[in-house]
Amino acid sequence: MRRTLLPLAAVSASVLLLAACGEQPAEQAAEETGLGEGPVQNNLSIVTGGTTGVYYPIGGALRGIIGDNLEGQTASVEATGASVENIRLLGAGDSHLAIVQGDAADQGFTGTADFEGSPVETYALAVLYPNVFHAVTLAGIAESNGFECFSDVVDHRYSVGDIGSGNEATTNQVFESLEIASSDLEIQQLGYAETANALTNNQLDAGSWVVGQGHSGITELGTTEDIALIEMCDDERDAVVSGYGGYTEHVIPGGTYPGVEDDVATIAVWNALVVPGSFNEEQAYEITKAMFENIDEVVGVYAPGEEYLVPETIENSPVPVHPGAVRFYEEQGVDIPADRLPESADE
């Protein structure tokens, strides 16, 4: 989490000021202000992920779209630990828009998993593209350890992803669905670059990349090392898809990454652009409209997402759609599932 250190006197003054103004976390403010009734935010903070991932450049494209098309509005892009941290930043009122994985958004909304007892009710502006579960290793390691199905990683060194990331949340959910306890592996919590380095230096046997297909980090690793992707076998996919988290089956086509010539069966989860419930309804409409009117700028930083970056993808939203965004989709003739309409729009 980002922190700013202030002198003691400044901290005291800040505490007094906050007490006088009654400043509260975004979710408490949403309850008192009403869904979509918050003030317009002229300087928007977009929280994303690590600088080597896909979230960060997509955030940069959104920053440009907002600055170029919405009068009087600017945006900044923040690199973070990704989904779980991003949802917490929204809930604390420290950011305005977040790119997150759908399973983490659902857990935040329902107050489960990492958000047990502390729900954060975010609402979707758009659904972006599916994140694909990649279990990455090196070909030599896969051969020597007999990695044929995902569960074969038991008793080995495995990176679940950066601390507090959606990558970690998804991997932990996969373990739970497959009844794999954390004590069954030697768990490490490494970011993508650190996972690649650990594999190269024989400090790790495998690790998860829950990312957009064609991820540059995996591609880069495949140009210097003989990589392998561990398949999720039929019974494993069935267990994960039928379990918690809203996952779908997915196939990574052969040739997507250097040296990986065969198709690899796995699972996927959808990514979404979300805001807190109090986010201004008119501003939500304007941002959603501007994004799709300039979607080529988003495709420009993540070409594999082109087929998914259309209004109709909102039907895969992991949480209710914000009222301002609902208005945009209605104008486009897109039907939103009834269980994804906000309460105010469904009454």
Protein backbone atom coordinates (compact mmCIF):
# COMPACT_ATOMS: atom_id res chain seq x y z
CA MET A 1 0.00 0.00 0.00
CA ARG A 2 1.14 3.51 -0.77
CA ARG A 3 1.91 5.69 2.23
CA THR A 4 2.92 9.30 2.71
CA LEU A 5 4.93 10.10 5.83
CA LEU A 6 4.18 13.46 7.46
CA PRO A 7 5.78 15.31 10.36
CA LEU A 8 4.01 14.73 13.69
CA ALA A 9 2.49 18.21 13.73
CA ALA A 10 1.12 17.73 10.26
CA VAL A 11 -0.37 14.38 11.24
CA SER A 12 -2.08 15.94 14.24
CA ALA A 13 -3.48 18.71 12.09
CA SER A 14 -4.68 16.20 9.54
CA VAL A 15 -6.45 14.14 12.19
CA LEU A 16 -8.24 17.23 13.49
CA LEU A 17 -9.23 18.25 9.98
CA LEU A 18 -10.59 14.79 9.17
CA ALA A 19 -12.53 14.71 12.42
CA ALA A 20 -14.05 18.09 11.66
CA CYS A 21 -14.94 17.17 8.09
CA GLY A 22 -16.14 13.68 8.94
CA GLU A 23 -14.16 12.07 6.10
CA GLN A 24 -15.10 8.38 5.68
CA PRO A 25 -14.19 5.38 3.53
CA ALA A 26 -15.83 5.24 0.11
CA GLU A 27 -18.29 2.46 0.98
CA GLN A 28 -19.61 4.26 4.07
CA ALA A 29 -19.85 7.45 2.02
CA ALA A 30 -21.76 5.51 -0.68
CA GLU A 31 -24.35 4.40 1.86
CA GLU A 32 -24.91 7.96 3.02
CA THR A 33 -24.58 9.69 -0.37
CA GLY A 34 -26.53 7.11 -2.36
CA LEU A 35 -25.55 4.95 -5.29
CA GLY A 36 -24.06 7.14 -8.02
CA GLU A 37 -24.70 10.38 -6.11
CA GLY A 38 -21.13 11.32 -5.19
CA PRO A 39 -19.45 14.50 -6.45
CA VAL A 40 -17.66 14.68 -9.81
CA GLN A 41 -13.95 13.86 -9.38
CA ASN A 42 -11.85 16.08 -11.63
CA ASN A 43 -8.52 14.41 -10.82
CA LEU A 44 -9.04 10.68 -11.08
CA SER A 45 -6.72 8.00 -9.73
CA ILE A 46 -6.67 4.75 -11.72
CA VAL A 47 -5.13 1.81 -9.85
CA THR A 48 -3.78 -1.02 -11.99
CA GLY A 49 -1.02 -3.59 -11.36
CA GLY A 50 2.71 -4.01 -11.83
CA THR A 51 4.41 -2.03 -14.57
CA THR A 52 5.28 -5.20 -16.52
CA GLY A 53 1.69 -6.47 -16.63
CA VAL A 54 -1.31 -5.64 -18.85
CA TYR A 55 -3.31 -3.59 -16.33
CA TYR A 56 -0.77 -0.77 -16.22
CA PRO A 57 -0.71 0.10 -19.96
CA ILE A 58 -4.51 -0.24 -20.14
CA GLY A 59 -4.68 2.26 -17.27
CA GLY A 60 -2.41 4.53 -19.30
CA ALA A 61 -4.76 4.30 -22.29
CA LEU A 62 -7.74 5.16 -20.06
CA ARG A 63 -5.82 8.12 -18.63
CA GLY A 64 -5.32 9.46 -22.16
CA ILE A 65 -8.95 8.89 -23.10
CA ILE A 66 -10.21 10.72 -20.01
CA GLY A 67 -7.79 13.63 -20.41
CA ASP A 68 -8.46 14.04 -24.13
CA ASN A 69 -12.23 13.62 -24.18
CA LEU A 70 -13.72 14.72 -20.86
CA GLU A 71 -13.58 18.46 -20.32
CA GLY A 72 -11.90 19.53 -17.11
CA GLN A 73 -10.98 15.99 -16.09
CA THR A 74 -7.54 14.43 -15.74
CA ALA A 75 -6.33 11.08 -14.51
CA SER A 76 -3.20 9.49 -13.07
CA VAL A 77 -2.14 5.84 -13.23
CA GLU A 78 -0.89 4.06 -10.12
CA ALA A 79 1.15 0.84 -10.17
CA THR A 80 -0.02 -1.49 -7.37
CA GLY A 81 -0.05 -5.11 -6.23
CA ALA A 82 -3.17 -5.48 -8.43
CA SER A 83 -6.70 -6.70 -7.74
CA VAL A 84 -7.05 -7.23 -3.99
CA GLU A 85 -5.05 -4.11 -3.14
CA ASN A 86 -6.96 -2.12 -5.76
CA ILE A 87 -10.32 -3.03 -4.26
CA ARG A 88 -9.09 -2.06 -0.81
CA LEU A 89 -7.85 1.28 -2.16
CA LEU A 90 -11.31 1.95 -3.63
CA GLY A 91 -12.96 1.03 -0.35
CA ALA A 92 -10.65 3.35 1.59
CA GLY A 93 -11.36 6.25 -0.78
CA ASP A 94 -7.73 6.34 -1.96
CA SER A 95 -8.55 5.79 -5.64
CA HIS A 96 -11.49 6.22 -8.03
CA LEU A 97 -11.20 3.61 -10.78
CA ALA A 98 -9.61 0.16 -10.60
CA ILE A 99 -8.83 -2.66 -12.98
CA VAL A 100 -9.41 -5.94 -11.16
CA GLN A 101 -9.97 -9.64 -11.66
CA GLY A 102 -13.57 -10.76 -11.48
CA ASP A 103 -13.08 -13.31 -8.73
CA ALA A 104 -11.49 -10.70 -6.45
CA ALA A 105 -14.28 -8.22 -7.24
CA ASP A 106 -16.90 -10.85 -6.38
CA GLN A 107 -15.11 -11.70 -3.14
CA GLY A 108 -14.98 -8.00 -2.24
CA PHE A 109 -18.68 -7.50 -2.97
CA THR A 110 -19.73 -10.56 -0.96
CA GLY A 111 -17.22 -10.04 1.87
CA THR A 112 -15.54 -13.42 1.43
CA ALA A 113 -11.96 -14.75 1.15
CA ASP A 114 -9.54 -11.80 1.57
CA PHE A 115 -12.50 -9.52 2.36
CA GLU A 116 -14.06 -11.69 5.07
CA GLY A 117 -15.94 -9.33 7.38
CA SER A 118 -14.88 -6.25 5.38
CA PRO A 119 -16.86 -6.16 2.11
CA VAL A 120 -16.14 -3.54 -0.53
CA GLU A 121 -19.09 -3.06 -2.88
CA THR A 122 -17.62 -2.07 -6.23
CA TYR A 123 -19.66 -1.59 -9.42
CA ALA A 124 -18.55 -2.29 -12.98
CA LEU A 125 -18.16 0.26 -15.75
CA ALA A 126 -16.88 -2.33 -18.24
CA VAL A 127 -15.66 -5.89 -18.60
CA LEU A 128 -12.35 -5.98 -20.45
CA TYR A 129 -10.92 -9.41 -21.31
CA PRO A 130 -10.35 -12.80 -19.67
CA ASN A 131 -7.32 -13.46 -17.51
CA VAL A 132 -5.95 -16.89 -18.26
CA PHE A 133 -4.44 -19.17 -15.61
CA HIS A 134 -0.90 -20.07 -16.74
CA ALA A 135 1.05 -22.57 -14.64
CA VAL A 136 4.55 -21.79 -15.92
CA THR A 137 7.68 -23.86 -15.52
CA LEU A 138 10.78 -24.70 -17.52
CA ALA A 139 10.75 -27.72 -19.85
CA GLY A 140 13.61 -29.41 -17.98
CA ILE A 141 11.89 -28.95 -14.62
CA ALA A 142 8.59 -30.27 -16.01
CA GLU A 143 10.29 -33.38 -17.37
CA SER A 144 12.34 -34.15 -14.27
CA ASN A 145 9.37 -33.66 -11.90
CA GLY A 146 6.72 -35.31 -14.08
CA PHE A 147 4.48 -32.22 -14.37
CA GLU A 148 1.62 -33.55 -16.54
CA CYS A 149 -1.42 -32.21 -14.64
CA PHE A 150 -1.58 -29.16 -12.40
CA SER A 151 -1.91 -31.16 -9.17
CA ASP A 152 1.55 -32.60 -9.85
CA VAL A 153 3.01 -29.38 -8.38
CA VAL A 154 2.22 -30.74 -4.90
CA ASP A 155 5.42 -31.16 -2.82
CA HIS A 156 7.29 -28.67 -5.03
CA ARG A 157 8.30 -25.00 -4.86
CA TYR A 158 5.46 -22.88 -6.24
CA SER A 159 4.91 -19.11 -6.57
CA VAL A 160 1.27 -18.07 -6.11
CA GLY A 161 1.91 -14.44 -7.14
CA ASP A 162 2.61 -11.13 -5.46
CA ILE A 163 1.25 -10.56 -1.94
CA GLY A 164 -2.31 -9.20 -2.08
CA SER A 165 -2.64 -9.67 -5.84
CA GLY A 166 -5.53 -11.14 -7.80
CA ASN A 167 -2.98 -13.66 -9.05
CA GLU A 168 -2.54 -14.92 -5.50
CA ALA A 169 -6.30 -14.90 -4.83
CA THR A 170 -7.04 -16.95 -7.96
CA THR A 171 -4.25 -19.44 -7.29
CA ASN A 172 -5.44 -19.93 -3.72
CA GLN A 173 -8.99 -20.48 -4.96
CA VAL A 174 -7.73 -23.07 -7.47
CA PHE A 175 -5.86 -24.83 -4.66
CA GLU A 176 -9.03 -24.82 -2.54
CA SER A 177 -11.17 -26.22 -5.36
CA LEU A 178 -8.61 -28.99 -5.91
CA GLU A 179 -8.34 -29.62 -2.13
CA ILE A 180 -4.64 -28.73 -2.13
CA ALA A 181 -3.55 -27.27 1.22
CA SER A 182 -0.86 -24.61 1.42
CA SER A 183 1.15 -27.03 3.54
CA ASP A 184 1.21 -29.43 0.58
CA LEU A 185 3.64 -27.15 -1.29
CA GLU A 186 6.57 -24.85 -0.60
CA ILE A 187 4.70 -21.60 -1.26
CA GLN A 188 6.43 -18.42 -2.42
CA GLN A 189 4.74 -15.06 -3.05
CA LEU A 190 6.58 -13.52 -5.99
CA GLY A 191 5.66 -11.02 -8.68
CA TYR A 192 5.97 -12.00 -12.34
CA ALA A 193 9.53 -10.77 -12.87
CA GLU A 194 10.69 -12.37 -9.61
CA THR A 195 8.99 -15.65 -10.56
CA ALA A 196 10.78 -15.67 -13.93
CA ASN A 197 14.14 -15.01 -12.25
CA ALA A 198 13.55 -17.72 -9.65
CA LEU A 199 12.74 -20.27 -12.35
CA THR A 200 15.85 -19.33 -14.29
CA ASN A 201 18.03 -19.58 -11.17
CA ASN A 202 16.58 -22.95 -10.06
CA GLN A 203 14.99 -21.40 -6.96
CA LEU A 204 11.46 -22.38 -8.00
CA ASP A 205 9.70 -25.26 -9.76
CA ALA A 206 6.64 -23.47 -11.14
CA GLY A 207 4.46 -20.40 -10.68
CA SER A 208 1.14 -18.84 -11.67
CA TRP A 209 0.63 -16.06 -14.15
CA VAL A 210 -3.08 -15.18 -14.10
CA VAL A 211 -2.87 -12.73 -16.97
CA GLY A 212 -4.08 -11.92 -20.45
CA GLN A 213 -3.15 -14.49 -23.05
CA GLY A 214 0.09 -13.61 -24.83
CA HIS A 215 1.53 -11.91 -21.76
CA SER A 216 4.86 -10.24 -22.49
CA GLY A 217 6.56 -11.57 -19.35
CA ILE A 218 5.94 -15.20 -20.32
CA THR A 219 6.91 -14.48 -23.92
CA GLU A 220 10.15 -12.85 -22.78
CA LEU A 221 10.98 -15.81 -20.53
CA GLY A 222 10.32 -18.12 -23.48
CA THR A 223 12.86 -16.31 -25.64
CA THR A 224 15.69 -17.05 -23.19
CA GLU A 225 14.57 -20.36 -21.65
CA ASP A 226 12.75 -23.49 -22.82
CA ILE A 227 9.43 -23.00 -21.03
CA ALA A 228 6.49 -25.32 -20.46
CA LEU A 229 2.87 -24.69 -19.42
CA ILE A 230 1.38 -27.26 -17.04
CA GLU A 231 -2.03 -28.37 -18.25
CA MET A 232 -5.07 -28.41 -16.00
CA CYS A 233 -6.47 -31.87 -16.69
CA ASP A 234 -10.17 -32.65 -17.24
CA ASP A 235 -11.12 -33.51 -13.67
CA GLU A 236 -9.18 -30.51 -12.35
CA ARG A 237 -10.93 -28.08 -14.70
CA ASP A 238 -14.30 -29.54 -13.76
CA ALA A 239 -13.57 -29.07 -10.06
CA VAL A 240 -12.44 -25.46 -10.49
CA VAL A 241 -15.20 -24.37 -12.89
CA SER A 242 -17.95 -25.95 -10.77
CA GLY A 243 -16.52 -24.41 -7.60
CA TYR A 244 -16.41 -20.85 -6.30
CA GLY A 245 -15.11 -17.85 -8.30
CA GLY A 246 -17.00 -17.82 -11.60
CA TYR A 247 -14.23 -19.40 -13.68
CA THR A 248 -14.63 -20.69 -17.23
CA GLU A 249 -12.72 -23.30 -19.22
CA HIS A 250 -10.09 -21.98 -21.61
CA VAL A 251 -7.55 -23.30 -24.11
CA ILE A 252 -4.23 -21.54 -24.78
CA PRO A 253 -3.56 -22.20 -28.49
CA GLY A 254 -0.27 -23.81 -29.41
CA GLY A 255 2.22 -21.25 -30.66
CA THR A 256 1.03 -18.49 -28.31
CA TYR A 257 4.40 -18.66 -26.53
CA PRO A 258 7.86 -19.58 -27.84
CA GLY A 259 8.48 -23.32 -27.71
CA VAL A 260 4.94 -24.22 -26.54
CA GLU A 261 3.58 -25.86 -29.69
CA ASP A 262 0.58 -27.81 -28.32
CA ASP A 263 -2.73 -26.44 -27.05
CA VAL A 264 -2.87 -26.16 -23.25
CA ALA A 265 -6.19 -26.64 -21.42
CA THR A 266 -6.71 -24.38 -18.38
CA ILE A 267 -9.27 -21.95 -16.84
CA ALA A 268 -9.89 -18.20 -17.11
CA VAL A 269 -11.47 -15.33 -15.16
CA TRP A 270 -12.77 -11.99 -16.55
CA ASN A 271 -11.22 -8.59 -15.75
CA ALA A 272 -13.33 -5.54 -15.07
CA LEU A 273 -13.04 -1.77 -14.69
CA VAL A 274 -14.80 -0.94 -11.42
CA VAL A 275 -15.63 2.08 -9.26
CA PRO A 276 -17.04 2.55 -5.74
CA GLY A 277 -20.81 2.76 -5.42
CA SER A 278 -20.77 6.49 -4.68
CA PHE A 279 -19.01 7.30 -7.97
CA ASN A 280 -20.93 10.07 -9.76
CA GLU A 281 -23.50 8.61 -12.16
CA GLU A 282 -23.05 11.16 -14.95
CA GLN A 283 -19.27 10.86 -14.76
CA ALA A 284 -19.54 7.05 -14.90
CA TYR A 285 -21.65 7.37 -18.05
CA GLU A 286 -19.19 9.78 -19.68
CA ILE A 287 -16.14 7.61 -18.91
CA THR A 288 -17.81 4.43 -20.18
CA LYS A 289 -18.98 6.17 -23.36
CA ALA A 290 -15.59 7.78 -24.01
CA MET A 291 -13.78 4.48 -23.48
CA PHE A 292 -15.81 2.60 -26.09
CA GLU A 293 -15.78 5.52 -28.54
CA ASN A 294 -11.97 5.41 -28.32
CA ILE A 295 -11.49 1.70 -27.76
CA ASP A 296 -8.75 1.57 -30.40
CA GLU A 297 -6.48 3.27 -27.86
CA VAL A 298 -7.00 0.38 -25.44
CA VAL A 299 -6.55 -2.21 -28.20
CA GLY A 300 -3.34 -0.39 -29.12
CA VAL A 301 -1.75 -1.38 -25.80
CA TYR A 302 -3.28 -4.86 -25.61
CA ALA A 303 -4.07 -6.25 -29.07
CA PRO A 304 -5.07 -9.77 -27.85
CA GLY A 305 -8.05 -8.19 -26.09
CA GLU A 306 -9.60 -6.74 -29.26
CA GLU A 307 -12.30 -9.40 -29.69
CA TYR A 308 -13.45 -8.91 -26.09
CA LEU A 309 -13.34 -5.10 -25.90
CA VAL A 310 -16.93 -4.58 -27.03
CA PRO A 311 -20.00 -3.41 -25.06
CA GLU A 312 -21.61 -6.88 -25.17
CA THR A 313 -18.87 -8.30 -22.91
CA ILE A 314 -20.57 -6.57 -19.95
CA GLU A 315 -22.76 -9.68 -19.64
CA ASN A 316 -19.75 -11.32 -17.93
CA SER A 317 -19.58 -8.69 -15.18
CA PRO A 318 -18.59 -10.19 -11.81
CA VAL A 319 -20.46 -7.47 -9.86
CA PRO A 320 -23.50 -5.23 -10.51
CA VAL A 321 -23.07 -2.61 -13.23
CA HIS A 322 -22.91 1.03 -12.13
CA PRO A 323 -26.11 3.01 -12.94
CA GLY A 324 -24.17 5.44 -15.16
CA ALA A 325 -22.74 2.57 -17.19
CA VAL A 326 -26.18 0.89 -17.37
CA ARG A 327 -27.43 3.99 -19.17
CA PHE A 328 -24.65 3.68 -21.77
CA TYR A 329 -25.30 -0.02 -22.42
CA GLU A 330 -29.02 0.60 -22.75
CA GLU A 331 -28.26 3.20 -25.43
CA GLN A 332 -26.21 0.53 -27.24
CA GLY A 333 -29.06 -1.97 -27.08
CA VAL A 334 -27.03 -4.30 -24.85
CA ASP A 335 -28.99 -6.45 -22.40
CA ILE A 336 -27.48 -6.68 -18.94
CA PRO A 337 -28.36 -9.82 -16.93
CA ALA A 338 -30.97 -9.02 -14.30
CA ASP A 339 -28.69 -10.16 -11.48
CA ARG A 340 -26.07 -7.65 -12.63
CA LEU A 341 -28.33 -4.62 -12.53
CA PRO A 342 -27.82 -2.28 -9.55
CA GLU A 343 -30.70 -2.28 -7.08
CA SER A 344 -31.75 1.23 -8.11
CA ALA A 345 -32.03 0.14 -11.75
CA ASP A 346 -33.81 -3.13 -10.94
CA GLU A 347 -36.57 -1.64 -8.82
